[in-house]
């Protein structure tokens, strides 16, 4: 015996209208994708790291002064640093959240509050891990996992992720080669530029061991070390030679010239 066929229940016109309205509303309210920055040199740069960045009144300030002396104006930089931090201490997604992240507001020269509107929070995000995390047997995998995850987060925010290759401890020069290998691997895995500050430290020490690049703890940078790091960033990220730059951070002229030359030569020869 054939079972009776019952017609499908008819959807009322009102129901169809409500469903259509819900679809349209969802489409309108979905966040628009942030345009991906695709330039060569950034107009805005977020630094994510630790005391290696913030010593000596912050490396990003020295980069800004080098750029200004080279005729580059208007570069917006923000430095987010935590003392002793590994890369996995940083909530990079929160820094880049539209409307509530970094640089949501600022103060003009006359102290007027300004709520900023940017196409994207930053063009580029430069990250470092703790000084030994990438080569520590219990933290090395975390470095690679975190670098990969943060790179994806940065790209979703429309920016380019970059790694800052840190230097060896003063009394452990073998760290240079070890750190370089791990930063290179992380950079290749996630297609990130690598800023070779560590190799520049080693090159400077080989040529001018009389120039002390370290603070008394043999880890953090002296003023000369910070200046060298800034010159490397200028050469790597902003594609500007620091050689002959008038800004010397009050270092002796011959010292500044040496560091400028080392920064440029290291950047030009470094193979990421």
Protein backbone atom coordinates (compact mmCIF):
# COMPACT_ATOMS: atom_id res chain seq x y z
CA UNK A 1 0.00 0.00 0.00
CA UNK A 2 1.44 3.32 -1.01
CA UNK A 3 1.82 5.85 1.79
CA UNK A 4 -0.01 9.10 1.19
CA UNK A 5 2.17 12.00 0.06
CA UNK A 6 1.66 15.12 2.08
CA UNK A 7 2.56 18.47 0.53
CA UNK A 8 5.37 20.40 2.22
CA UNK A 9 4.10 23.14 4.48
CA UNK A 10 4.04 26.48 2.76
CA UNK A 11 6.23 29.23 4.11
CA UNK A 12 4.32 32.39 4.72
CA UNK A 13 5.30 35.57 2.93
CA UNK A 14 6.04 37.23 6.26
CA UNK A 15 8.46 34.46 7.19
CA UNK A 16 10.28 34.74 3.87
CA UNK A 17 10.61 38.49 4.33
CA UNK A 18 12.05 38.03 7.83
CA UNK A 19 14.59 35.47 6.60
CA UNK A 20 15.66 37.75 3.76
CA UNK A 21 15.99 40.68 6.15
CA UNK A 22 18.16 38.61 8.49
CA UNK A 23 20.48 37.63 5.63
CA UNK A 24 20.81 41.23 4.47
CA UNK A 25 21.42 42.44 8.03
CA UNK A 26 24.13 39.81 8.57
CA UNK A 27 25.85 40.85 5.36
CA UNK A 28 25.72 44.53 6.32
CA UNK A 29 26.99 43.97 9.83
CA UNK A 30 29.84 41.60 8.97
CA UNK A 31 33.21 43.32 9.50
CA UNK A 32 34.82 44.40 6.28
CA UNK A 33 38.24 42.89 5.59
CA UNK A 34 41.08 45.30 6.35
CA UNK A 35 43.04 46.23 3.21
CA UNK A 36 46.42 44.48 3.20
CA UNK A 37 49.44 46.80 3.26
CA UNK A 38 51.63 45.99 0.27
CA UNK A 39 54.24 48.75 0.28
CA UNK A 40 57.99 48.56 0.46
CA UNK A 41 58.60 50.80 3.49
CA UNK A 42 55.98 51.34 6.20
CA UNK A 43 54.39 54.60 7.28
CA UNK A 44 53.52 53.04 10.63
CA UNK A 45 55.37 50.44 12.69
CA UNK A 46 54.44 48.59 15.87
CA UNK A 47 57.34 47.24 17.95
CA UNK A 48 56.56 44.19 20.13
CA UNK A 49 59.25 43.04 22.51
CA UNK A 50 61.04 43.56 25.80
CA UNK A 51 63.86 45.52 27.41
CA UNK A 52 66.13 45.05 24.39
CA UNK A 53 63.81 47.56 22.70
CA UNK A 54 63.13 49.97 25.57
CA UNK A 55 66.67 50.53 26.93
CA UNK A 56 68.20 53.97 26.26
CA UNK A 57 64.88 55.78 25.82
CA UNK A 58 63.62 53.16 23.35
CA UNK A 59 65.12 52.04 20.08
CA UNK A 60 62.13 53.26 18.09
CA UNK A 61 62.91 56.87 19.07
CA UNK A 62 66.42 56.55 17.67
CA UNK A 63 64.98 55.11 14.46
CA UNK A 64 62.66 58.11 14.25
CA UNK A 65 65.57 60.53 14.63
CA UNK A 66 67.66 58.70 12.05
CA UNK A 67 64.72 58.85 9.62
CA UNK A 68 64.13 62.54 10.29
CA UNK A 69 67.81 63.29 9.65
CA UNK A 70 67.47 61.37 6.37
CA UNK A 71 64.48 63.49 5.33
CA UNK A 72 61.79 60.91 6.12
CA UNK A 73 58.99 62.51 8.13
CA UNK A 74 55.65 61.40 9.53
CA UNK A 75 56.43 57.78 10.36
CA UNK A 76 54.14 56.67 13.19
CA UNK A 77 55.75 54.23 15.64
CA UNK A 78 54.52 52.59 18.84
CA UNK A 79 56.62 50.38 21.11
CA UNK A 80 54.92 47.75 23.29
CA UNK A 81 57.45 46.18 25.63
CA UNK A 82 57.32 43.99 28.75
CA UNK A 83 60.40 43.48 30.89
CA UNK A 84 61.81 39.99 30.38
CA UNK A 85 58.98 39.07 28.04
CA UNK A 86 58.85 36.21 25.62
CA UNK A 87 56.87 36.65 22.44
CA UNK A 88 54.10 34.48 23.86
CA UNK A 89 53.50 37.03 26.64
CA UNK A 90 52.10 39.50 24.12
CA UNK A 91 48.44 39.56 23.06
CA UNK A 92 49.12 40.86 19.57
CA UNK A 93 45.49 40.47 18.51
CA UNK A 94 44.46 42.92 21.23
CA UNK A 95 47.04 45.45 20.07
CA UNK A 96 45.55 45.38 16.58
CA UNK A 97 41.84 45.24 17.38
CA UNK A 98 40.05 47.92 15.31
CA UNK A 99 38.60 50.75 17.37
CA UNK A 100 39.97 49.54 20.69
CA UNK A 101 43.57 48.56 20.07
CA UNK A 102 46.81 50.53 20.00
CA UNK A 103 46.75 54.17 18.83
CA UNK A 104 42.97 54.48 19.18
CA UNK A 105 43.59 58.02 20.37
CA UNK A 106 46.50 60.39 20.81
CA UNK A 107 47.23 63.96 21.87
CA UNK A 108 48.15 66.70 19.44
CA UNK A 109 50.96 69.22 20.05
CA UNK A 110 48.51 71.56 21.81
CA UNK A 111 47.37 68.68 24.08
CA UNK A 112 44.08 68.27 22.24
CA UNK A 113 42.65 64.76 22.38
CA UNK A 114 42.37 63.17 18.93
CA UNK A 115 40.50 59.94 18.19
CA UNK A 116 42.37 58.37 15.31
CA UNK A 117 40.89 56.75 12.24
CA UNK A 118 43.29 54.55 10.29
CA UNK A 119 42.74 52.27 7.32
CA UNK A 120 44.66 49.68 9.36
CA UNK A 121 46.23 50.00 12.82
CA UNK A 122 49.80 49.58 11.49
CA UNK A 123 51.51 48.79 8.21
CA UNK A 124 54.09 46.58 9.87
CA UNK A 125 54.58 44.78 13.19
CA UNK A 126 58.13 43.92 14.27
CA UNK A 127 58.46 41.23 16.94
CA UNK A 128 61.21 39.72 19.05
CA UNK A 129 61.25 36.85 21.52
CA UNK A 130 63.10 36.78 24.83
CA UNK A 131 66.87 36.80 24.48
CA UNK A 132 67.33 33.03 24.77
CA UNK A 133 63.83 31.64 24.14
CA UNK A 134 64.42 30.68 20.47
CA UNK A 135 67.36 28.45 21.46
CA UNK A 136 66.23 27.24 24.89
CA UNK A 137 65.41 23.51 24.76
CA UNK A 138 62.14 24.00 26.68
CA UNK A 139 61.03 27.19 24.91
CA UNK A 140 62.25 26.80 21.34
CA UNK A 141 59.06 25.18 20.02
CA UNK A 142 56.98 27.85 21.71
CA UNK A 143 58.97 30.48 19.82
CA UNK A 144 58.21 28.88 16.48
CA UNK A 145 54.55 28.23 17.30
CA UNK A 146 54.02 31.76 18.60
CA UNK A 147 55.86 33.44 15.72
CA UNK A 148 53.68 31.55 13.24
CA UNK A 149 50.46 32.37 15.12
CA UNK A 150 51.33 36.04 15.55
CA UNK A 151 52.29 36.32 11.88
CA UNK A 152 48.82 35.13 10.92
CA UNK A 153 47.21 37.55 13.39
CA UNK A 154 49.21 40.47 12.01
CA UNK A 155 48.27 39.62 8.43
CA UNK A 156 44.57 39.44 9.34
CA UNK A 157 44.95 43.01 10.59
CA UNK A 158 46.28 44.05 7.18
CA UNK A 159 49.89 44.47 8.30
CA UNK A 160 53.19 42.77 7.48
CA UNK A 161 54.87 40.74 10.26
CA UNK A 162 58.65 41.08 10.75
CA UNK A 163 61.09 39.38 13.12
CA UNK A 164 63.87 41.23 14.94
CA UNK A 165 66.85 38.89 15.27
CA UNK A 166 68.41 39.67 18.65
CA UNK A 167 72.07 39.56 19.69
CA UNK A 168 74.12 37.14 21.77
CA UNK A 169 75.00 37.79 25.38
CA UNK A 170 78.35 39.51 25.71
CA UNK A 171 79.93 36.48 27.37
CA UNK A 172 78.21 33.90 25.12
CA UNK A 173 79.10 34.86 21.53
CA UNK A 174 78.12 31.41 20.24
CA UNK A 175 74.50 32.47 20.64
CA UNK A 176 74.72 34.59 17.48
CA UNK A 177 74.85 31.62 15.13
CA UNK A 178 72.23 29.71 17.12
CA UNK A 179 69.75 32.59 17.25
CA UNK A 180 70.31 33.36 13.58
CA UNK A 181 69.42 29.79 12.61
CA UNK A 182 66.14 29.82 14.55
CA UNK A 183 65.02 33.28 13.44
CA UNK A 184 65.79 32.37 9.84
CA UNK A 185 63.73 29.19 10.17
CA UNK A 186 60.79 31.05 11.67
CA UNK A 187 61.03 33.74 9.02
CA UNK A 188 61.05 31.22 6.19
CA UNK A 189 58.17 29.24 7.68
CA UNK A 190 55.87 32.27 7.80
CA UNK A 191 57.44 34.32 4.99
CA UNK A 192 58.62 37.14 7.24
CA UNK A 193 61.46 39.61 6.87
CA UNK A 194 64.22 39.19 9.46
CA UNK A 195 66.07 42.24 10.81
CA UNK A 196 69.68 41.09 11.49
CA UNK A 197 70.59 43.06 14.61
CA UNK A 198 72.41 40.10 16.18
CA UNK A 199 74.76 39.53 13.24
CA UNK A 200 75.45 43.28 13.20
CA UNK A 201 76.52 43.13 16.86
CA UNK A 202 78.90 40.28 16.04
CA UNK A 203 80.32 42.14 13.05
CA UNK A 204 80.89 45.30 15.05
CA UNK A 205 82.65 43.43 17.86
CA UNK A 206 84.92 41.67 15.36
CA UNK A 207 86.03 45.00 13.87
CA UNK A 208 85.90 47.34 16.86
CA UNK A 209 85.97 45.37 20.13
CA UNK A 210 86.72 48.66 21.90
CA UNK A 211 83.13 49.83 21.31
CA UNK A 212 81.03 48.39 24.13
CA UNK A 213 77.59 47.43 22.82
CA UNK A 214 76.31 46.09 26.14
CA UNK A 215 74.96 47.39 29.42
CA UNK A 216 76.59 46.16 32.63
CA UNK A 217 74.35 43.06 32.70
CA UNK A 218 76.00 41.83 29.45
CA UNK A 219 72.58 41.35 27.86
CA UNK A 220 70.77 44.63 27.34
CA UNK A 221 72.24 47.19 24.95
CA UNK A 222 74.39 50.17 25.78
CA UNK A 223 73.59 53.39 23.95
CA UNK A 224 75.95 52.28 21.18
CA UNK A 225 74.13 48.93 21.01
CA UNK A 226 70.73 50.60 20.78
CA UNK A 227 72.04 52.95 18.08
CA UNK A 228 73.40 50.00 16.09
CA UNK A 229 70.06 48.20 16.38
CA UNK A 230 68.23 51.33 15.23
CA UNK A 231 70.55 51.71 12.24
CA UNK A 232 69.90 48.09 11.27
CA UNK A 233 66.13 48.67 11.46
CA UNK A 234 66.48 51.76 9.30
CA UNK A 235 68.44 49.81 6.70
CA UNK A 236 66.29 46.66 6.79
CA UNK A 237 62.78 48.03 7.18
CA UNK A 238 63.01 51.51 5.71
CA UNK A 239 65.55 50.68 2.99
CA UNK A 240 67.64 53.75 3.84
CA UNK A 241 71.39 53.65 4.29
CA UNK A 242 72.37 55.06 7.69
CA UNK A 243 75.90 55.78 6.43
CA UNK A 244 76.64 59.48 6.79
CA UNK A 245 73.48 60.17 8.79
CA UNK A 246 73.80 63.36 10.86
CA UNK A 247 72.02 61.89 13.89
CA UNK A 248 74.63 60.26 16.15
CA UNK A 249 72.78 59.97 19.50
CA UNK A 250 75.65 62.02 20.99
CA UNK A 251 78.08 59.17 20.38
CA UNK A 252 81.59 60.07 19.19
CA UNK A 253 81.51 60.69 15.46
CA UNK A 254 83.91 57.85 14.64
CA UNK A 255 81.82 55.43 16.71
CA UNK A 256 78.57 56.46 15.03
CA UNK A 257 80.17 56.19 11.59
CA UNK A 258 81.46 52.71 12.36
CA UNK A 259 78.03 51.56 13.59
CA UNK A 260 76.31 53.06 10.55
CA UNK A 261 78.67 51.22 8.21
CA UNK A 262 78.29 47.91 10.04
CA UNK A 263 74.48 48.22 10.01
CA UNK A 264 74.37 48.84 6.27
CA UNK A 265 76.93 46.18 5.34
CA UNK A 266 75.25 43.54 7.54
CA UNK A 267 71.82 44.29 6.13
CA UNK A 268 73.06 44.15 2.56
CA UNK A 269 74.85 40.82 3.03
CA UNK A 270 72.31 39.06 5.28
CA UNK A 271 70.45 36.14 3.70
CA UNK A 272 67.15 35.53 5.52
